[in-house]
Amino acid sequence: MKFMAKKAKEINDPEYFWEAHRVGIEKEYLHIEQLTNLAALPPSGFDVCVFPLKIVGGSAAPARVVAIFK
């Protein structure tokens, strides 16, 4: 991802960096990034719940992401 951001700055084309986000046009998907403390999770035995803020007219939002241990 860092390479893509650097390349987008070099060629000054914002469309280059966001190309991956266009996947959702044809097939819906969930994109989550910038999570922290993932090393504290076990390899299995938990569910992930995502609680995004509702932003009118928005296509993205900050969210509280939690792990619920089984």
PDB file of N, CA and C in Angstrom:
ATOM      1  N   MET A   1       0.828  -1.191   0.000  1.00  0.00           N
ATOM      2  CA  MET A   1       0.000   0.000   0.000  1.00  0.00           C
ATOM      3  C   MET A   1       0.872   1.254   0.000  1.00  0.00           C
ATOM      4  N   LYS A   2       1.977   1.241   0.744  1.00  0.00           N
ATOM      5  CA  LYS A   2       2.848   2.410   0.757  1.00  0.00           C
ATOM      6  C   LYS A   2       3.398   2.684  -0.633  1.00  0.00           C
ATOM      7  N   PHE A   3       3.702   1.610  -1.388  1.00  0.00           N
ATOM      8  CA  PHE A   3       4.194   1.781  -2.748  1.00  0.00           C
ATOM      9  C   PHE A   3       3.147   2.484  -3.603  1.00  0.00           C
ATOM     10  N   MET A   4       1.876   2.077  -3.462  1.00  0.00           N
ATOM     11  CA  MET A   4       0.811   2.678  -4.265  1.00  0.00           C
ATOM     12  C   MET A   4       0.664   4.163  -3.953  1.00  0.00           C
ATOM     13  N   ALA A   5       0.725   4.530  -2.675  1.00  0.00           N
ATOM     14  CA  ALA A   5       0.600   5.939  -2.297  1.00  0.00           C
ATOM     15  C   ALA A   5       1.758   6.750  -2.867  1.00  0.00           C
ATOM     16  N   LYS A   6       2.964   6.195  -2.790  1.00  0.00           N
ATOM     17  CA  LYS A   6       4.134   6.886  -3.336  1.00  0.00           C
ATOM     18  C   LYS A   6       3.998   7.052  -4.846  1.00  0.00           C
ATOM     19  N   LYS A   7       3.581   5.979  -5.521  1.00  0.00           N
ATOM     20  CA  LYS A   7       3.419   6.021  -6.976  1.00  0.00           C
ATOM     21  C   LYS A   7       2.350   7.052  -7.378  1.00  0.00           C
ATOM     22  N   ALA A   8       1.232   7.108  -6.631  1.00  0.00           N
ATOM     23  CA  ALA A   8       0.166   8.065  -6.927  1.00  0.00           C
ATOM     24  C   ALA A   8       0.683   9.498  -6.814  1.00  0.00           C
ATOM     25  N   LYS A   9       1.534   9.752  -5.823  1.00  0.00           N
ATOM     26  CA  LYS A   9       2.112  11.091  -5.674  1.00  0.00           C
ATOM     27  C   LYS A   9       3.060  11.413  -6.826  1.00  0.00           C
ATOM     28  N   GLU A  10       3.842  10.413  -7.227  1.00  0.00           N
ATOM     29  CA  GLU A  10       4.806  10.624  -8.312  1.00  0.00           C
ATOM     30  C   GLU A  10       4.115  10.956  -9.634  1.00  0.00           C
ATOM     31  N   ILE A  11       3.056  10.221  -9.945  1.00  0.00           N
ATOM     32  CA  ILE A  11       2.394  10.444 -11.238  1.00  0.00           C
ATOM     33  C   ILE A  11       1.267  11.469 -11.129  1.00  0.00           C
ATOM     34  N   ASN A  12       0.996  11.936  -9.902  1.00  0.00           N
ATOM     35  CA  ASN A  12      -0.009  12.964  -9.648  1.00  0.00           C
ATOM     36  C   ASN A  12      -1.369  12.593 -10.236  1.00  0.00           C
ATOM     37  N   ASP A  13      -1.776  11.345 -10.031  1.00  0.00           N
ATOM     38  CA  ASP A  13      -3.045  10.847 -10.546  1.00  0.00           C
ATOM     39  C   ASP A  13      -3.808  10.179  -9.408  1.00  0.00           C
ATOM     40  N   PRO A  14      -4.750  10.887  -8.778  1.00  0.00           N
ATOM     41  CA  PRO A  14      -5.466  10.311  -7.638  1.00  0.00           C
ATOM     42  C   PRO A  14      -6.271   9.067  -8.013  1.00  0.00           C
ATOM     43  N   GLU A  15      -6.615   8.918  -9.273  1.00  0.00           N
ATOM     44  CA  GLU A  15      -7.363   7.735  -9.709  1.00  0.00           C
ATOM     45  C   GLU A  15      -6.543   6.460  -9.543  1.00  0.00           C
ATOM     46  N   TYR A  16      -5.231   6.566  -9.667  1.00  0.00           N
ATOM     47  CA  TYR A  16      -4.359   5.394  -9.536  1.00  0.00           C
ATOM     48  C   TYR A  16      -4.483   4.784  -8.146  1.00  0.00           C
ATOM     49  N   PHE A  17      -4.421   5.605  -7.130  1.00  0.00           N
ATOM     50  CA  PHE A  17      -4.450   5.118  -5.752  1.00  0.00           C
ATOM     51  C   PHE A  17      -5.795   4.509  -5.391  1.00  0.00           C
ATOM     52  N   TRP A  18      -6.868   5.048  -5.893  1.00  0.00           N
ATOM     53  CA  TRP A  18      -8.198   4.596  -5.491  1.00  0.00           C
ATOM     54  C   TRP A  18      -8.775   3.505  -6.390  1.00  0.00           C
ATOM     55  N   GLU A  19      -8.015   3.026  -7.348  1.00  0.00           N
ATOM     56  CA  GLU A  19      -8.502   2.007  -8.277  1.00  0.00           C
ATOM     57  C   GLU A  19      -9.038   0.775  -7.536  1.00  0.00           C
ATOM     58  N   ALA A  20      -8.378   0.355  -6.472  1.00  0.00           N
ATOM     59  CA  ALA A  20      -8.818  -0.834  -5.721  1.00  0.00           C
ATOM     60  C   ALA A  20     -10.205  -0.644  -5.126  1.00  0.00           C
ATOM     61  N   HIS A  21     -10.557   0.575  -4.788  1.00  0.00           N
ATOM     62  CA  HIS A  21     -11.869   0.825  -4.201  1.00  0.00           C
ATOM     63  C   HIS A  21     -13.007   0.653  -5.213  1.00  0.00           C
ATOM     64  N   ARG A  22     -12.692   0.678  -6.467  1.00  0.00           N
ATOM     65  CA  ARG A  22     -13.719   0.538  -7.501  1.00  0.00           C
ATOM     66  C   ARG A  22     -14.240  -0.891  -7.627  1.00  0.00           C
ATOM     67  N   VAL A  23     -13.610  -1.828  -6.967  1.00  0.00           N
ATOM     68  CA  VAL A  23     -14.070  -3.216  -7.001  1.00  0.00           C
ATOM     69  C   VAL A  23     -15.528  -3.276  -6.564  1.00  0.00           C
ATOM     70  N   GLY A  24     -15.920  -2.438  -5.623  1.00  0.00           N
ATOM     71  CA  GLY A  24     -17.274  -2.433  -5.096  1.00  0.00           C
ATOM     72  C   GLY A  24     -18.350  -2.039  -6.096  1.00  0.00           C
ATOM     73  N   ILE A  25     -17.975  -1.517  -7.232  1.00  0.00           N
ATOM     74  CA  ILE A  25     -18.959  -1.162  -8.254  1.00  0.00           C
ATOM     75  C   ILE A  25     -19.633  -2.419  -8.792  1.00  0.00           C
ATOM     76  N   GLU A  26     -18.837  -3.464  -8.995  1.00  0.00           N
ATOM     77  CA  GLU A  26     -19.374  -4.700  -9.559  1.00  0.00           C
ATOM     78  C   GLU A  26     -19.705  -5.752  -8.508  1.00  0.00           C
ATOM     79  N   LYS A  27     -18.983  -5.758  -7.403  1.00  0.00           N
ATOM     80  CA  LYS A  27     -19.217  -6.752  -6.357  1.00  0.00           C
ATOM     81  C   LYS A  27     -19.001  -6.090  -5.000  1.00  0.00           C
ATOM     82  N   GLU A  28     -20.029  -6.106  -4.170  1.00  0.00           N
ATOM     83  CA  GLU A  28     -19.957  -5.468  -2.863  1.00  0.00           C
ATOM     84  C   GLU A  28     -18.876  -6.115  -2.001  1.00  0.00           C
ATOM     85  N   TYR A  29     -18.141  -5.298  -1.275  1.00  0.00           N
ATOM     86  CA  TYR A  29     -17.123  -5.815  -0.362  1.00  0.00           C
ATOM     87  C   TYR A  29     -16.992  -4.873   0.825  1.00  0.00           C
ATOM     88  N   LEU A  30     -16.332  -5.339   1.856  1.00  0.00           N
ATOM     89  CA  LEU A  30     -16.099  -4.553   3.061  1.00  0.00           C
ATOM     90  C   LEU A  30     -14.614  -4.255   3.158  1.00  0.00           C
ATOM     91  N   HIS A  31     -14.274  -3.002   3.298  1.00  0.00           N
ATOM     92  CA  HIS A  31     -12.877  -2.564   3.348  1.00  0.00           C
ATOM     93  C   HIS A  31     -12.611  -1.969   4.725  1.00  0.00           C
ATOM     94  N   ILE A  32     -11.692  -2.575   5.467  1.00  0.00           N
ATOM     95  CA  ILE A  32     -11.322  -2.073   6.795  1.00  0.00           C
ATOM     96  C   ILE A  32      -9.813  -1.889   6.805  1.00  0.00           C
ATOM     97  N   GLU A  33      -9.369  -0.725   7.284  1.00  0.00           N
ATOM     98  CA  GLU A  33      -7.930  -0.463   7.335  1.00  0.00           C
ATOM     99  C   GLU A  33      -7.565   0.282   8.603  1.00  0.00           C
ATOM    100  N   GLN A  34      -6.296   0.364   8.862  1.00  0.00           N
ATOM    101  CA  GLN A  34      -5.706   1.087   9.985  1.00  0.00           C
ATOM    102  C   GLN A  34      -6.156   0.532  11.341  1.00  0.00           C
ATOM    103  N   LEU A  35      -6.287  -0.785  11.449  1.00  0.00           N
ATOM    104  CA  LEU A  35      -6.611  -1.403  12.729  1.00  0.00           C
ATOM    105  C   LEU A  35      -5.351  -1.497  13.580  1.00  0.00           C
ATOM    106  N   THR A  36      -5.520  -1.448  14.890  1.00  0.00           N
ATOM    107  CA  THR A  36      -4.385  -1.539  15.803  1.00  0.00           C
ATOM    108  C   THR A  36      -4.578  -2.704  16.765  1.00  0.00           C
ATOM    109  N   ASN A  37      -3.519  -3.077  17.448  1.00  0.00           N
ATOM    110  CA  ASN A  37      -3.511  -4.131  18.471  1.00  0.00           C
ATOM    111  C   ASN A  37      -3.870  -5.512  17.935  1.00  0.00           C
ATOM    112  N   LEU A  38      -3.669  -5.751  16.653  1.00  0.00           N
ATOM    113  CA  LEU A  38      -4.005  -7.050  16.079  1.00  0.00           C
ATOM    114  C   LEU A  38      -3.113  -8.161  16.629  1.00  0.00           C
ATOM    115  N   ALA A  39      -1.907  -7.845  17.034  1.00  0.00           N
ATOM    116  CA  ALA A  39      -0.999  -8.850  17.590  1.00  0.00           C
ATOM    117  C   ALA A  39      -1.521  -9.411  18.911  1.00  0.00           C
ATOM    118  N   ALA A  40      -2.421  -8.706  19.567  1.00  0.00           N
ATOM    119  CA  ALA A  40      -2.986  -9.169  20.837  1.00  0.00           C
ATOM    120  C   ALA A  40      -4.065 -10.232  20.633  1.00  0.00           C
ATOM    121  N   LEU A  41      -4.501 -10.435  19.396  1.00  0.00           N
ATOM    122  CA  LEU A  41      -5.551 -11.414  19.114  1.00  0.00           C
ATOM    123  C   LEU A  41      -4.966 -12.811  18.932  1.00  0.00           C
ATOM    124  N   PRO A  42      -5.702 -13.829  19.361  1.00  0.00           N
ATOM    125  CA  PRO A  42      -5.254 -15.201  19.105  1.00  0.00           C
ATOM    126  C   PRO A  42      -5.473 -15.546  17.629  1.00  0.00           C
ATOM    127  N   PRO A  43      -4.881 -16.638  17.148  1.00  0.00           N
ATOM    128  CA  PRO A  43      -5.059 -17.013  15.740  1.00  0.00           C
ATOM    129  C   PRO A  43      -6.509 -17.340  15.376  1.00  0.00           C
ATOM    130  N   SER A  44      -7.318 -17.745  16.333  1.00  0.00           N
ATOM    131  CA  SER A  44      -8.725 -18.065  16.082  1.00  0.00           C
ATOM    132  C   SER A  44      -9.496 -17.968  17.391  1.00  0.00           C
ATOM    133  N   GLY A  45     -10.815 -18.163  17.314  1.00  0.00           N
ATOM    134  CA  GLY A  45     -11.630 -18.161  18.517  1.00  0.00           C
ATOM    135  C   GLY A  45     -12.271 -16.824  18.854  1.00  0.00           C
ATOM    136  N   PHE A  46     -12.486 -15.997  17.852  1.00  0.00           N
ATOM    137  CA  PHE A  46     -13.140 -14.717  18.091  1.00  0.00           C
ATOM    138  C   PHE A  46     -13.928 -14.298  16.853  1.00  0.00           C
ATOM    139  N   ASP A  47     -14.918 -13.448  17.062  1.00  0.00           N
ATOM    140  CA  ASP A  47     -15.682 -12.837  15.982  1.00  0.00           C
ATOM    141  C   ASP A  47     -15.302 -11.360  15.924  1.00  0.00           C
ATOM    142  N   VAL A  48     -15.470 -10.767  14.760  1.00  0.00           N
ATOM    143  CA  VAL A  48     -15.190  -9.340  14.589  1.00  0.00           C
ATOM    144  C   VAL A  48     -16.512  -8.621  14.368  1.00  0.00           C
ATOM    145  N   CYS A  49     -16.738  -7.556  15.128  1.00  0.00           N
ATOM    146  CA  CYS A  49     -17.925  -6.719  14.963  1.00  0.00           C
ATOM    147  C   CYS A  49     -17.461  -5.308  14.610  1.00  0.00           C
ATOM    148  N   VAL A  50     -18.154  -4.701  13.660  1.00  0.00           N
ATOM    149  CA  VAL A  50     -17.791  -3.368  13.192  1.00  0.00           C
ATOM    150  C   VAL A  50     -18.985  -2.442  13.384  1.00  0.00           C
ATOM    151  N   PHE A  51     -18.748  -1.331  14.062  1.00  0.00           N
ATOM    152  CA  PHE A  51     -19.801  -0.361  14.363  1.00  0.00           C
ATOM    153  C   PHE A  51     -19.429   0.996  13.751  1.00  0.00           C
ATOM    154  N   PRO A  52     -19.792   1.214  12.482  1.00  0.00           N
ATOM    155  CA  PRO A  52     -19.433   2.481  11.827  1.00  0.00           C
ATOM    156  C   PRO A  52     -20.354   3.626  12.237  1.00  0.00           C
ATOM    157  N   LEU A  53     -19.822   4.837  12.148  1.00  0.00           N
ATOM    158  CA  LEU A  53     -20.654   6.020  12.324  1.00  0.00           C
ATOM    159  C   LEU A  53     -21.527   6.161  11.080  1.00  0.00           C
ATOM    160  N   LYS A  54     -22.751   6.593  11.255  1.00  0.00           N
ATOM    161  CA  LYS A  54     -23.618   6.816  10.105  1.00  0.00           C
ATOM    162  C   LYS A  54     -23.402   8.244   9.613  1.00  0.00           C
ATOM    163  N   ILE A  55     -22.918   8.347   8.389  1.00  0.00           N
ATOM    164  CA  ILE A  55     -22.670   9.651   7.780  1.00  0.00           C
ATOM    165  C   ILE A  55     -23.580   9.776   6.563  1.00  0.00           C
ATOM    166  N   VAL A  56     -24.503  10.716   6.615  1.00  0.00           N
ATOM    167  CA  VAL A  56     -25.465  10.901   5.529  1.00  0.00           C
ATOM    168  C   VAL A  56     -24.729  11.225   4.232  1.00  0.00           C
ATOM    169  N   GLY A  57     -25.008  10.449   3.200  1.00  0.00           N
ATOM    170  CA  GLY A  57     -24.400  10.676   1.895  1.00  0.00           C
ATOM    171  C   GLY A  57     -22.975  10.172   1.779  1.00  0.00           C
ATOM    172  N   GLY A  58     -22.445   9.575   2.841  1.00  0.00           N
ATOM    173  CA  GLY A  58     -21.063   9.112   2.811  1.00  0.00           C
ATOM    174  C   GLY A  58     -20.934   7.696   2.292  1.00  0.00           C
ATOM    175  N   SER A  59     -19.782   7.386   1.742  1.00  0.00           N
ATOM    176  CA  SER A  59     -19.515   6.027   1.285  1.00  0.00           C
ATOM    177  C   SER A  59     -18.489   5.346   2.181  1.00  0.00           C
ATOM    178  N   ALA A  60     -18.040   6.046   3.217  1.00  0.00           N
ATOM    179  CA  ALA A  60     -17.086   5.505   4.178  1.00  0.00           C
ATOM    180  C   ALA A  60     -17.295   6.219   5.503  1.00  0.00           C
ATOM    181  N   ALA A  61     -16.776   5.622   6.576  1.00  0.00           N
ATOM    182  CA  ALA A  61     -16.923   6.240   7.889  1.00  0.00           C
ATOM    183  C   ALA A  61     -15.932   5.636   8.868  1.00  0.00           C
ATOM    184  N   PRO A  62     -15.548   6.393   9.878  1.00  0.00           N
ATOM    185  CA  PRO A  62     -14.758   5.800  10.961  1.00  0.00           C
ATOM    186  C   PRO A  62     -15.633   4.785  11.692  1.00  0.00           C
ATOM    187  N   ALA A  63     -15.014   3.788  12.278  1.00  0.00           N
ATOM    188  CA  ALA A  63     -15.781   2.742  12.958  1.00  0.00           C
ATOM    189  C   ALA A  63     -15.061   2.260  14.196  1.00  0.00           C
ATOM    190  N   ARG A  64     -15.840   1.752  15.133  1.00  0.00           N
ATOM    191  CA  ARG A  64     -15.257   1.034  16.273  1.00  0.00           C
ATOM    192  C   ARG A  64     -15.297  -0.434  15.884  1.00  0.00           C
ATOM    193  N   VAL A  65     -14.133  -1.058  15.846  1.00  0.00           N
ATOM    194  CA  VAL A  65     -14.029  -2.470  15.478  1.00  0.00           C
ATOM    195  C   VAL A  65     -13.593  -3.239  16.730  1.00  0.00           C
ATOM    196  N   VAL A  66     -14.380  -4.244  17.091  1.00  0.00           N
ATOM    197  CA  VAL A  66     -14.087  -5.003  18.313  1.00  0.00           C
ATOM    198  C   VAL A  66     -14.014  -6.494  18.019  1.00  0.00           C
ATOM    199  N   ALA A  67     -13.230  -7.186  18.822  1.00  0.00           N
ATOM    200  CA  ALA A  67     -13.164  -8.643  18.759  1.00  0.00           C
ATOM    201  C   ALA A  67     -13.942  -9.184  19.944  1.00  0.00           C
ATOM    202  N   ILE A  68     -14.830 -10.138  19.677  1.00  0.00           N
ATOM    203  CA  ILE A  68     -15.602 -10.782  20.740  1.00  0.00           C
ATOM    204  C   ILE A  68     -15.111 -12.225  20.820  1.00  0.00           C
ATOM    205  N   PHE A  69     -14.510 -12.570  21.968  1.00  0.00           N
ATOM    206  CA  PHE A  69     -13.944 -13.897  22.163  1.00  0.00           C
ATOM    207  C   PHE A  69     -15.027 -14.908  22.430  1.00  0.00           C
ATOM    208  N   LYS A  70     -14.905 -16.075  21.820  1.00  0.00           N
ATOM    209  CA  LYS A  70     -15.899 -17.150  21.978  1.00  0.00           C
ATOM    210  C   LYS A  70     -15.620 -17.944  23.235  1.00  0.00           C
TER     211      LYS A  70
END
